C-alpha atoms as a PDB file:
ATOM      1  CA  MET A   1      48.566 -81.299  27.574  1.00  0.00           C
ATOM      2  CA  ALA A   2      52.369 -80.088  26.848  1.00  0.00           C
ATOM      3  CA  VAL A   3      54.588 -77.070  26.586  1.00  0.00           C
ATOM      4  CA  GLU A   4      57.088 -76.408  24.001  1.00  0.00           C
ATOM      5  CA  ASP A   5      60.842 -77.288  25.680  1.00  0.00           C
ATOM      6  CA  PRO A   6      63.672 -77.502  22.945  1.00  0.00           C
ATOM      7  CA  THR A   7      65.732 -79.350  25.641  1.00  0.00           C
ATOM      8  CA  ALA A   8      62.626 -82.139  26.068  1.00  0.00           C
ATOM      9  CA  PRO A   9      63.441 -85.004  23.614  1.00  0.00           C
ATOM     10  CA  HIS A  10      61.078 -84.956  20.992  1.00  0.00           C
ATOM     11  CA  GLY A  11      60.670 -81.064  21.458  1.00  0.00           C
ATOM     12  CA  LEU A  12      57.363 -81.057  23.876  1.00  0.00           C
ATOM     13  CA  LYS A  13      57.302 -81.490  27.741  1.00  0.00           C
ATOM     14  CA  LEU A  14      54.301 -83.015  28.851  1.00  0.00           C
ATOM     15  CA  THR A  15      52.346 -81.592  31.813  1.00  0.00           C
ATOM     16  CA  ILE A  16      51.395 -84.937  32.967  1.00  0.00           C
ATOM     17  CA  GLU A  17      54.749 -87.085  32.515  1.00  0.00           C
ATOM     18  CA  ASP A  18      52.677 -90.789  33.275  1.00  0.00           C
ATOM     19  CA  TYR A  19      50.467 -90.322  30.286  1.00  0.00           C
ATOM     20  CA  PRO A  20      51.324 -93.534  28.044  1.00  0.00           C
ATOM     21  CA  TYR A  21      49.012 -92.528  25.359  1.00  0.00           C
ATOM     22  CA  ALA A  22      51.187 -89.220  24.726  1.00  0.00           C
ATOM     23  CA  ASN A  23      54.714 -91.382  25.371  1.00  0.00           C
ATOM     24  CA  ASP A  24      53.601 -93.538  23.072  1.00  0.00           C
ATOM     25  CA  GLY A  25      52.056 -91.400  20.895  1.00  0.00           C
ATOM     26  CA  LEU A  26      55.561 -88.966  20.633  1.00  0.00           C
ATOM     27  CA  LEU A  27      57.449 -91.546  19.652  1.00  0.00           C
ATOM     28  CA  ILE A  28      55.204 -92.423  16.893  1.00  0.00           C
ATOM     29  CA  TRP A  29      54.926 -88.803  16.197  1.00  0.00           C
ATOM     30  CA  ASP A  30      58.516 -88.135  15.851  1.00  0.00           C
ATOM     31  CA  ALA A  31      59.027 -91.380  13.502  1.00  0.00           C
ATOM     32  CA  ILE A  32      56.646 -90.268  11.044  1.00  0.00           C
ATOM     33  CA  LYS A  33      58.102 -86.478  11.385  1.00  0.00           C
ATOM     34  CA  GLN A  34      61.498 -88.079  10.450  1.00  0.00           C
ATOM     35  CA  TRP A  35      60.203 -90.237   7.680  1.00  0.00           C
ATOM     36  CA  VAL A  36      58.054 -87.220   6.072  1.00  0.00           C
ATOM     37  CA  THR A  37      60.929 -84.793   6.230  1.00  0.00           C
ATOM     38  CA  ASP A  38      63.376 -87.358   4.534  1.00  0.00           C
ATOM     39  CA  TYR A  39      60.473 -87.434   1.599  1.00  0.00           C
ATOM     40  CA  VAL A  40      60.061 -83.885   1.524  1.00  0.00           C
ATOM     41  CA  THR A  41      63.812 -82.791   1.435  1.00  0.00           C
ATOM     42  CA  TYR A  42      64.549 -85.616  -1.549  1.00  0.00           C
ATOM     43  CA  TYR A  43      61.579 -84.478  -3.417  1.00  0.00           C
ATOM     44  CA  TYR A  44      62.190 -80.791  -3.046  1.00  0.00           C
ATOM     45  CA  PRO A  45      65.908 -79.916  -2.497  1.00  0.00           C
ATOM     46  CA  GLU A  46      65.749 -76.007  -3.075  1.00  0.00           C
ATOM     47  CA  ALA A  47      63.153 -74.367  -0.498  1.00  0.00           C
ATOM     48  CA  SER A  48      61.727 -72.502  -3.337  1.00  0.00           C
ATOM     49  CA  LEU A  49      60.444 -75.736  -4.912  1.00  0.00           C
ATOM     50  CA  VAL A  50      57.495 -75.983  -2.410  1.00  0.00           C
ATOM     51  CA  GLU A  51      55.852 -72.648  -3.311  1.00  0.00           C
ATOM     52  CA  LEU A  52      56.290 -72.793  -7.304  1.00  0.00           C
ATOM     53  CA  ASP A  53      54.183 -76.378  -7.116  1.00  0.00           C
ATOM     54  CA  ASN A  54      51.290 -75.371  -8.120  1.00  0.00           C
ATOM     55  CA  GLU A  55      49.045 -78.866  -7.922  1.00  0.00           C
ATOM     56  CA  LEU A  56      50.507 -79.013  -4.129  1.00  0.00           C
ATOM     57  CA  GLN A  57      49.640 -74.730  -3.762  1.00  0.00           C
ATOM     58  CA  SER A  58      45.845 -75.737  -5.028  1.00  0.00           C
ATOM     59  CA  LEU A  59      45.705 -78.710  -2.659  1.00  0.00           C
ATOM     60  CA  TRP A  60      46.397 -76.681   0.218  1.00  0.00           C
ATOM     61  CA  THR A  61      44.168 -73.986  -0.732  1.00  0.00           C
ATOM     62  CA  GLU A  62      41.197 -76.372  -0.854  1.00  0.00           C
ATOM     63  CA  ILE A  63      41.884 -78.109   2.170  1.00  0.00           C
ATOM     64  CA  ARG A  64      42.012 -74.394   3.882  1.00  0.00           C
ATOM     65  CA  THR A  65      39.087 -73.175   2.340  1.00  0.00           C
ATOM     66  CA  VAL A  66      36.573 -76.138   1.582  1.00  0.00           C
ATOM     67  CA  GLY A  67      37.664 -78.664   3.432  1.00  0.00           C
ATOM     68  CA  HIS A  68      37.523 -76.271   6.636  1.00  0.00           C
ATOM     69  CA  GLY A  69      35.627 -73.060   5.001  1.00  0.00           C
ATOM     70  CA  ASP A  70      34.473 -72.576   8.998  1.00  0.00           C
ATOM     71  CA  LYS A  71      37.923 -71.776   9.620  1.00  0.00           C
ATOM     72  CA  LYS A  72      39.718 -70.567   6.525  1.00  0.00           C
ATOM     73  CA  ASP A  73      40.258 -67.159   8.079  1.00  0.00           C
ATOM     74  CA  GLU A  74      42.009 -68.241  11.004  1.00  0.00           C
ATOM     75  CA  PRO A  75      45.464 -66.554  11.246  1.00  0.00           C
ATOM     76  CA  TRP A  76      47.284 -69.855  12.555  1.00  0.00           C
ATOM     77  CA  TRP A  77      47.463 -71.721   9.045  1.00  0.00           C
ATOM     78  CA  PRO A  78      50.756 -72.449   7.729  1.00  0.00           C
ATOM     79  CA  GLU A  79      51.438 -70.502   4.412  1.00  0.00           C
ATOM     80  CA  LEU A  80      53.033 -73.827   2.793  1.00  0.00           C
ATOM     81  CA  LYS A  81      56.261 -71.591   1.724  1.00  0.00           C
ATOM     82  CA  PRO A  82      58.988 -73.438   2.927  1.00  0.00           C
ATOM     83  CA  PRO A  83      59.806 -76.886   3.438  1.00  0.00           C
ATOM     84  CA  ASP A  84      59.387 -76.676   7.014  1.00  0.00           C
ATOM     85  CA  ASP A  85      55.690 -76.142   6.712  1.00  0.00           C
ATOM     86  CA  LEU A  86      55.028 -79.212   4.204  1.00  0.00           C
ATOM     87  CA  ILE A  87      56.679 -81.237   6.779  1.00  0.00           C
ATOM     88  CA  GLY A  88      54.526 -79.923   9.649  1.00  0.00           C
ATOM     89  CA  ILE A  89      51.098 -80.259   7.506  1.00  0.00           C
ATOM     90  CA  LEU A  90      51.924 -83.645   6.088  1.00  0.00           C
ATOM     91  CA  THR A  91      53.190 -84.422   9.757  1.00  0.00           C
ATOM     92  CA  ILE A  92      49.762 -83.841  11.272  1.00  0.00           C
ATOM     93  CA  ILE A  93      47.764 -85.339   8.699  1.00  0.00           C
ATOM     94  CA  ILE A  94      49.302 -89.038   8.693  1.00  0.00           C
ATOM     95  CA  TRP A  95      49.200 -88.892  12.401  1.00  0.00           C
ATOM     96  CA  VAL A  96      45.768 -88.052  12.666  1.00  0.00           C
ATOM     97  CA  ALA A  97      44.885 -90.601   9.967  1.00  0.00           C
ATOM     98  CA  SER A  98      47.698 -93.246  12.077  1.00  0.00           C
ATOM     99  CA  GLY A  99      48.220 -93.097  15.387  1.00  0.00           C
ATOM    100  CA  PHE A 100      45.342 -90.825  16.704  1.00  0.00           C
ATOM    101  CA  HIS A 101      42.774 -92.900  15.054  1.00  0.00           C
ATOM    102  CA  ALA A 102      43.838 -96.414  15.855  1.00  0.00           C
ATOM    103  CA  ALA A 103      44.048 -94.818  19.327  1.00  0.00           C
ATOM    104  CA  VAL A 104      39.952 -93.232  19.139  1.00  0.00           C
ATOM    105  CA  ASN A 105      38.691 -96.278  16.894  1.00  0.00           C
ATOM    106  CA  PHE A 106      40.224-100.007  17.311  1.00  0.00           C
ATOM    107  CA  GLY A 107      38.629 -99.881  21.114  1.00  0.00           C
ATOM    108  CA  GLN A 108      35.011 -99.142  20.502  1.00  0.00           C
ATOM    109  CA  PHE A 109      34.115-102.709  19.886  1.00  0.00           C
ATOM    110  CA  ASP A 110      35.232-103.265  23.361  1.00  0.00           C
ATOM    111  CA  TYR A 111      32.949-101.023  25.086  1.00  0.00           C
ATOM    112  CA  GLY A 112      30.360-101.178  22.398  1.00  0.00           C
ATOM    113  CA  GLY A 113      30.008-104.974  21.755  1.00  0.00           C
ATOM    114  CA  TYR A 114      27.588-104.740  24.374  1.00  0.00           C
ATOM    115  CA  PHE A 115      25.353-102.686  23.213  1.00  0.00           C
ATOM    116  CA  PRO A 116      23.527-101.586  26.336  1.00  0.00           C
ATOM    117  CA  ASN A 117      27.138 -99.720  26.932  1.00  0.00           C
ATOM    118  CA  ARG A 118      26.670 -97.598  23.761  1.00  0.00           C
ATOM    119  CA  PRO A 119      22.965 -98.072  21.521  1.00  0.00           C
ATOM    120  CA  MET A 120      23.001 -96.698  18.676  1.00  0.00           C
ATOM    121  CA  ILE A 121      19.563 -95.370  18.775  1.00  0.00           C
ATOM    122  CA  ALA A 122      16.729 -95.105  21.435  1.00  0.00           C
ATOM    123  CA  ARG A 123      13.331 -96.673  20.230  1.00  0.00           C
ATOM    124  CA  THR A 124      11.384 -94.599  23.015  1.00  0.00           C
ATOM    125  CA  GLN A 125      12.441 -91.960  25.348  1.00  0.00           C
ATOM    126  CA  MET A 126      14.971 -92.039  27.430  1.00  0.00           C
ATOM    127  CA  PRO A 127      13.970 -92.289  30.704  1.00  0.00           C
ATOM    128  CA  THR A 128      14.662 -89.286  32.664  1.00  0.00           C
ATOM    129  CA  GLU A 129      15.998 -88.429  36.238  1.00  0.00           C
ATOM    130  CA  ASP A 130      12.185 -87.045  37.087  1.00  0.00           C
ATOM    131  CA  PRO A 131       9.828 -89.293  35.440  1.00  0.00           C
ATOM    132  CA  ASN A 132       6.136 -88.942  35.869  1.00  0.00           C
ATOM    133  CA  GLY A 133       4.507 -91.415  38.282  1.00  0.00           C
ATOM    134  CA  GLU A 134       3.135 -93.580  35.465  1.00  0.00           C
ATOM    135  CA  GLU A 135       6.561 -94.353  33.741  1.00  0.00           C
ATOM    136  CA  LYS A 136       8.046 -94.214  37.826  1.00  0.00           C
ATOM    137  CA  ASN A 137       6.075 -97.557  38.731  1.00  0.00           C
ATOM    138  CA  ARG A 138       6.316 -98.929  35.215  1.00  0.00           C
ATOM    139  CA  PHE A 139      10.131 -98.956  35.500  1.00  0.00           C
ATOM    140  CA  LEU A 140      10.123-100.074  39.365  1.00  0.00           C
ATOM    141  CA  ASP A 141       7.301-102.782  38.597  1.00  0.00           C
ATOM    142  CA  ARG A 142       9.343-104.191  35.570  1.00  0.00           C
ATOM    143  CA  PRO A 143      12.554-102.457  34.904  1.00  0.00           C
ATOM    144  CA  GLU A 144      14.079-105.173  32.190  1.00  0.00           C
ATOM    145  CA  GLU A 145      10.915-104.611  29.701  1.00  0.00           C
ATOM    146  CA  PHE A 146      11.081-100.880  30.162  1.00  0.00           C
ATOM    147  CA  LEU A 147      14.778-100.627  29.212  1.00  0.00           C
ATOM    148  CA  LEU A 148      14.470-103.009  26.291  1.00  0.00           C
ATOM    149  CA  GLU A 149      11.963-101.291  25.187  1.00  0.00           C
ATOM    150  CA  CYS A 150      13.970 -98.360  24.356  1.00  0.00           C
ATOM    151  CA  PHE A 151      16.864-100.338  23.648  1.00  0.00           C
ATOM    152  CA  PRO A 152      17.599-100.949  19.415  1.00  0.00           C
ATOM    153  CA  SER A 153      16.047-103.908  18.021  1.00  0.00           C
ATOM    154  CA  GLN A 154      18.131-106.983  17.896  1.00  0.00           C
ATOM    155  CA  LEU A 155      18.228-106.781  14.817  1.00  0.00           C
ATOM    156  CA  GLN A 156      19.207-103.040  14.870  1.00  0.00           C
ATOM    157  CA  ALA A 157      22.130-104.087  17.733  1.00  0.00           C
ATOM    158  CA  ALA A 158      23.343-106.885  16.098  1.00  0.00           C
ATOM    159  CA  SER A 159      24.458-104.647  12.314  1.00  0.00           C
ATOM    160  CA  PHE A 160      25.416-102.046  14.754  1.00  0.00           C
ATOM    161  CA  THR A 161      27.871-104.367  16.943  1.00  0.00           C
ATOM    162  CA  ALA A 162      29.431-105.606  13.551  1.00  0.00           C
ATOM    163  CA  VAL A 163      29.843-102.447  12.158  1.00  0.00           C
ATOM    164  CA  GLN A 164      32.098-101.685  15.117  1.00  0.00           C
ATOM    165  CA  ASP A 165      33.432-104.963  14.943  1.00  0.00           C
ATOM    166  CA  ILE A 166      35.027-104.109  11.405  1.00  0.00           C
ATOM    167  CA  LEU A 167      36.037-100.504  12.493  1.00  0.00           C
ATOM    168  CA  SER A 168      38.042-102.207  15.597  1.00  0.00           C
ATOM    169  CA  THR A 169      39.746-104.798  13.729  1.00  0.00           C
ATOM    170  CA  LEU A 170      43.368-104.043  12.687  1.00  0.00           C
ATOM    171  CA  LEU A 171      43.472-105.949   9.494  1.00  0.00           C
ATOM    172  CA  LEU A 172      46.303-108.441   8.959  1.00  0.00           C
ATOM    173  CA  MET A 173      46.308-107.820   5.102  1.00  0.00           C
ATOM    174  CA  ARG A 174      48.343-105.050   4.661  1.00  0.00           C
ATOM    175  CA  SER A 175      48.353-102.771   1.863  1.00  0.00           C
ATOM    176  CA  THR A 176      50.932-100.694   2.788  1.00  0.00           C
ATOM    177  CA  LEU A 177      53.294 -98.079   1.259  1.00  0.00           C
ATOM    178  CA  GLU A 178      56.214-100.459   0.805  1.00  0.00           C
ATOM    179  CA  ASN A 179      53.954-102.725  -1.766  1.00  0.00           C
ATOM    180  CA  ASN A 180      53.465 -99.453  -3.940  1.00  0.00           C
ATOM    181  CA  PHE A 181      56.550 -98.868  -4.618  1.00  0.00           C
ATOM    182  CA  SER A 182      56.853-101.089  -7.926  1.00  0.00           C
ATOM    183  CA  HIS A 183      59.957 -99.250  -9.412  1.00  0.00           C
ATOM    184  CA  THR A 184      63.491-100.244  -8.530  1.00  0.00           C
ATOM    185  CA  GLY A 185      65.081 -97.026  -9.627  1.00  0.00           C
ATOM    186  CA  GLN A 186      67.897 -95.355  -7.223  1.00  0.00           C
ATOM    187  CA  ARG A 187      64.821 -92.793  -5.644  1.00  0.00           C
ATOM    188  CA  ILE A 188      62.413 -95.503  -4.874  1.00  0.00           C
ATOM    189  CA  LYS A 189      65.546 -97.696  -3.166  1.00  0.00           C
ATOM    190  CA  LEU A 190      66.576 -94.490  -1.058  1.00  0.00           C
ATOM    191  CA  LEU A 191      62.637 -93.741  -0.158  1.00  0.00           C
ATOM    192  CA  LYS A 192      62.375 -97.761   0.664  1.00  0.00           C
ATOM    193  CA  VAL A 193      65.253 -97.150   3.454  1.00  0.00           C
ATOM    194  CA  HIS A 194      63.430 -94.087   4.956  1.00  0.00           C
ATOM    195  CA  LEU A 195      59.813 -96.126   4.690  1.00  0.00           C
ATOM    196  CA  ASN A 196      61.690 -99.198   6.579  1.00  0.00           C
ATOM    197  CA  GLY A 197      63.300 -96.520   9.058  1.00  0.00           C
ATOM    198  CA  LEU A 198      59.453 -95.426   9.972  1.00  0.00           C
ATOM    199  CA  THR A 199      58.078 -99.006  10.189  1.00  0.00           C
ATOM    200  CA  GLY A 200      61.324-100.380  12.275  1.00  0.00           C
ATOM    201  CA  LYS A 201      60.513 -96.685  15.189  1.00  0.00           C
ATOM    202  CA  SER A 202      56.514 -97.431  15.049  1.00  0.00           C
ATOM    203  CA  ARG A 203      57.290-101.273  16.076  1.00  0.00           C
END
Protein backbone atom coordinates (compact mmCIF):
# COMPACT_ATOMS: atom_id res chain seq x y z
CA MET A 1 0.00 0.00 0.00
CA ALA A 2 2.99 2.32 0.48
CA VAL A 3 6.68 2.56 -0.31
CA GLU A 4 9.39 4.33 1.64
CA ASP A 5 10.13 7.78 0.28
CA PRO A 6 12.27 10.19 2.34
CA THR A 7 10.91 13.14 0.34
CA ALA A 8 7.27 12.36 1.23
CA PRO A 9 5.66 14.21 4.17
CA HIS A 10 5.56 11.08 6.35
CA GLY A 11 8.47 9.20 4.83
CA LEU A 12 6.00 7.04 2.91
CA LYS A 13 4.41 7.41 -0.50
CA LEU A 14 1.00 5.82 -0.87
CA THR A 15 0.53 3.64 -3.93
CA ILE A 16 -3.14 4.69 -3.90
CA GLU A 17 -3.33 8.44 -3.35
CA ASP A 18 -7.09 8.66 -2.83
CA TYR A 19 -7.12 6.46 0.28
CA PRO A 20 -8.71 8.38 3.20
CA TYR A 21 -7.94 5.74 5.82
CA ALA A 22 -4.24 5.81 4.98
CA ASN A 23 -4.10 9.59 4.61
CA ASP A 24 -5.75 10.17 7.98
CA GLY A 25 -3.90 7.28 9.54
CA LEU A 26 -0.51 8.71 8.65
CA LEU A 27 -1.39 11.95 10.41
CA ILE A 28 -2.29 10.05 13.56
CA TRP A 29 0.80 7.84 13.20
CA ASP A 30 3.04 10.89 13.03
CA ALA A 31 1.40 12.44 16.10
CA ILE A 32 1.87 9.21 18.06
CA LYS A 33 5.46 8.83 16.92
CA GLN A 34 6.31 12.40 17.88
CA TRP A 35 4.83 11.94 21.37
CA VAL A 36 6.64 8.61 21.83
CA THR A 37 9.90 10.20 20.65
CA ASP A 38 9.57 13.01 23.18
CA TYR A 39 8.73 10.53 25.95
CA VAL A 40 11.55 8.08 25.16
CA THR A 41 14.09 10.85 24.70
CA TYR A 42 13.19 12.26 28.11
CA TYR A 43 13.45 8.98 30.00
CA TYR A 44 16.40 7.57 28.03
CA PRO A 45 18.65 10.58 27.36
CA GLU A 46 21.59 8.26 26.63
CA ALA A 47 21.31 5.56 23.97
CA SER A 48 22.90 2.90 26.17
CA LEU A 49 20.15 3.22 28.80
CA VAL A 50 17.63 1.35 26.63
CA GLU A 51 19.85 -1.70 26.39
CA LEU A 52 20.70 -1.52 30.10
CA ASP A 53 17.03 -1.44 31.20
CA ASN A 54 16.62 -5.07 32.24
CA GLU A 55 12.89 -4.82 32.85
CA LEU A 56 12.29 -3.31 29.41
CA GLN A 57 14.48 -5.94 27.75
CA SER A 58 12.63 -8.74 29.58
CA LEU A 59 9.30 -7.34 28.39
CA TRP A 60 10.50 -7.21 24.79
CA THR A 61 11.84 -10.78 25.02
CA GLU A 62 8.46 -11.98 26.33
CA ILE A 63 6.60 -10.16 23.56
CA ARG A 64 8.73 -11.85 20.90
CA THR A 65 9.17 -15.34 22.33
CA VAL A 66 5.90 -15.85 24.23
CA GLY A 67 3.38 -13.44 22.72
CA HIS A 68 4.53 -14.33 19.20
CA GLY A 69 6.14 -17.70 19.79
CA ASP A 70 5.38 -18.86 16.25
CA LYS A 71 7.39 -15.92 14.88
CA LYS A 72 10.13 -15.72 17.52
CA ASP A 73 12.93 -16.74 15.13
CA GLU A 74 12.03 -14.34 12.33
CA PRO A 75 14.92 -12.06 11.30
CA TRP A 76 12.85 -8.86 11.14
CA TRP A 77 12.43 -8.35 14.89
CA PRO A 78 14.17 -5.18 16.18
CA GLU A 79 16.90 -5.89 18.74
CA LEU A 80 15.81 -3.07 21.07
CA LYS A 81 19.20 -1.51 21.54
CA PRO A 82 19.09 2.14 20.39
CA PRO A 83 16.21 4.44 21.39
CA ASP A 84 15.00 4.44 17.78
CA ASP A 85 14.12 0.75 18.17
CA LEU A 86 12.03 1.51 21.25
CA ILE A 87 10.35 4.46 19.53
CA GLY A 88 9.38 2.28 16.58
CA ILE A 89 8.10 -0.56 18.77
CA LEU A 90 5.99 1.68 21.00
CA THR A 91 4.60 3.60 18.03
CA ILE A 92 3.40 0.36 16.42
CA ILE A 93 1.85 -0.95 19.65
CA ILE A 94 0.01 2.32 20.35
CA TRP A 95 -1.12 2.64 16.73
CA VAL A 96 -2.55 -0.90 16.65
CA ALA A 97 -4.41 -0.34 19.92
CA SER A 98 -5.77 3.07 18.90
CA GLY A 99 -6.04 4.33 15.32
CA PHE A 100 -6.00 0.94 13.61
CA HIS A 101 -8.29 -0.75 16.11
CA ALA A 102 -10.77 2.12 16.01
CA ALA A 103 -11.11 1.74 12.25
CA VAL A 104 -11.86 -1.98 12.36
CA ASN A 105 -13.83 -1.98 15.62
CA PHE A 106 -16.17 1.00 15.82
CA GLY A 107 -17.93 0.18 12.56
CA GLN A 108 -19.06 -3.29 13.62
CA PHE A 109 -22.55 -2.33 14.73
CA ASP A 110 -23.30 -0.35 11.56
CA TYR A 111 -23.06 -3.57 9.56
CA GLY A 112 -23.70 -6.34 12.09
CA GLY A 113 -26.50 -4.58 14.00
CA TYR A 114 -28.84 -6.05 11.39
CA PHE A 115 -27.98 -9.62 12.31
CA PRO A 116 -28.81 -11.31 8.95
CA ASN A 117 -25.80 -9.39 7.57
CA ARG A 118 -23.46 -11.15 9.98
CA PRO A 119 -25.12 -13.84 12.11
CA MET A 120 -22.86 -15.18 14.84
CA ILE A 121 -23.97 -18.79 14.47
CA ALA A 122 -26.02 -20.98 12.16
CA ARG A 123 -28.41 -23.41 13.83
CA THR A 124 -28.67 -25.56 10.70
CA GLN A 125 -26.46 -26.23 7.73
CA MET A 126 -26.08 -23.17 5.52
CA PRO A 127 -27.83 -23.39 2.15
CA THR A 128 -25.44 -24.56 -0.56
CA GLU A 129 -25.12 -23.51 -4.17
CA ASP A 130 -26.06 -27.04 -5.24
CA PRO A 131 -28.78 -28.17 -2.81
CA ASN A 132 -30.51 -31.52 -3.02
CA GLY A 133 -34.04 -31.66 -4.32
CA GLU A 134 -35.76 -31.57 -0.93
CA GLU A 135 -33.75 -28.56 0.33
CA LYS A 136 -34.32 -26.68 -2.89
CA ASN A 137 -38.05 -27.27 -2.81
CA ARG A 138 -38.30 -26.22 0.85
CA PHE A 139 -36.34 -23.05 0.15
CA LEU A 140 -38.35 -22.12 -2.93
CA ASP A 141 -41.63 -22.88 -1.18
CA ARG A 142 -40.96 -20.93 2.06
CA PRO A 143 -37.61 -19.11 1.89
CA GLU A 144 -38.21 -16.97 4.99
CA GLU A 145 -38.90 -20.00 7.17
CA PHE A 146 -35.90 -21.83 5.74
CA LEU A 147 -33.55 -18.97 6.58
CA LEU A 148 -35.04 -18.30 10.02
CA GLU A 149 -34.35 -21.91 10.99
CA CYS A 150 -30.71 -21.29 10.11
CA PHE A 151 -30.31 -17.89 11.78
CA PRO A 152 -29.64 -17.47 15.52
CA SER A 153 -32.63 -17.42 17.86
CA GLN A 154 -34.05 -14.04 18.90
CA LEU A 155 -32.26 -14.25 22.26
CA GLN A 156 -28.94 -15.17 20.66
CA ALA A 157 -29.26 -12.41 18.06
CA ALA A 158 -30.20 -9.80 20.67
CA SER A 159 -27.29 -10.78 22.91
CA PHE A 160 -24.78 -10.58 20.10
CA THR A 161 -26.19 -7.29 18.83
CA ALA A 162 -25.82 -5.81 22.33
CA VAL A 163 -22.17 -6.90 22.44
CA GLN A 164 -21.54 -5.34 19.04
CA ASP A 165 -23.18 -2.13 20.20
CA ILE A 166 -20.89 -1.95 23.23
CA LEU A 167 -17.78 -2.73 21.17
CA SER A 168 -18.70 -0.11 18.59
CA THR A 169 -19.40 2.69 21.05
CA LEU A 170 -16.70 5.29 21.59
CA LEU A 171 -17.00 5.90 25.31
CA LEU A 172 -17.37 9.52 26.30
CA MET A 173 -16.14 8.72 29.78
CA ARG A 174 -12.48 9.38 29.07
CA SER A 175 -9.79 7.78 31.19
CA THR A 176 -6.75 9.15 29.45
CA LEU A 177 -3.12 9.46 30.32
CA GLU A 178 -3.49 13.04 31.42
CA ASN A 179 -5.90 11.97 34.18
CA ASN A 180 -3.29 9.56 35.52
CA PHE A 181 -0.58 12.20 35.97
CA SER A 182 -1.13 12.92 39.65
CA HIS A 183 2.28 14.45 40.31
CA THR A 184 3.08 18.10 39.79
CA GLY A 185 6.84 17.88 39.29
CA GLN A 186 8.67 19.48 36.39
CA ARG A 187 9.00 16.13 34.62
CA ILE A 188 5.25 15.52 34.70
CA LYS A 189 4.52 19.06 33.56
CA LEU A 190 6.81 18.58 30.57
CA LEU A 191 5.20 15.27 29.64
CA LYS A 192 1.76 16.88 29.91
CA VAL A 193 2.87 19.45 27.36
CA HIS A 194 3.86 16.67 24.97
CA LEU A 195 0.62 14.79 25.64
CA ASN A 196 -1.45 17.90 24.93
CA GLY A 197 0.43 18.19 21.64
CA LEU A 198 -0.56 14.62 20.75
CA THR A 199 -4.18 15.28 21.70
CA GLY A 200 -4.29 18.42 19.56
CA LYS A 201 -2.78 16.70 16.52
CA SER A 202 -5.16 13.75 16.72
CA ARG A 203 -8.31 15.90 16.62
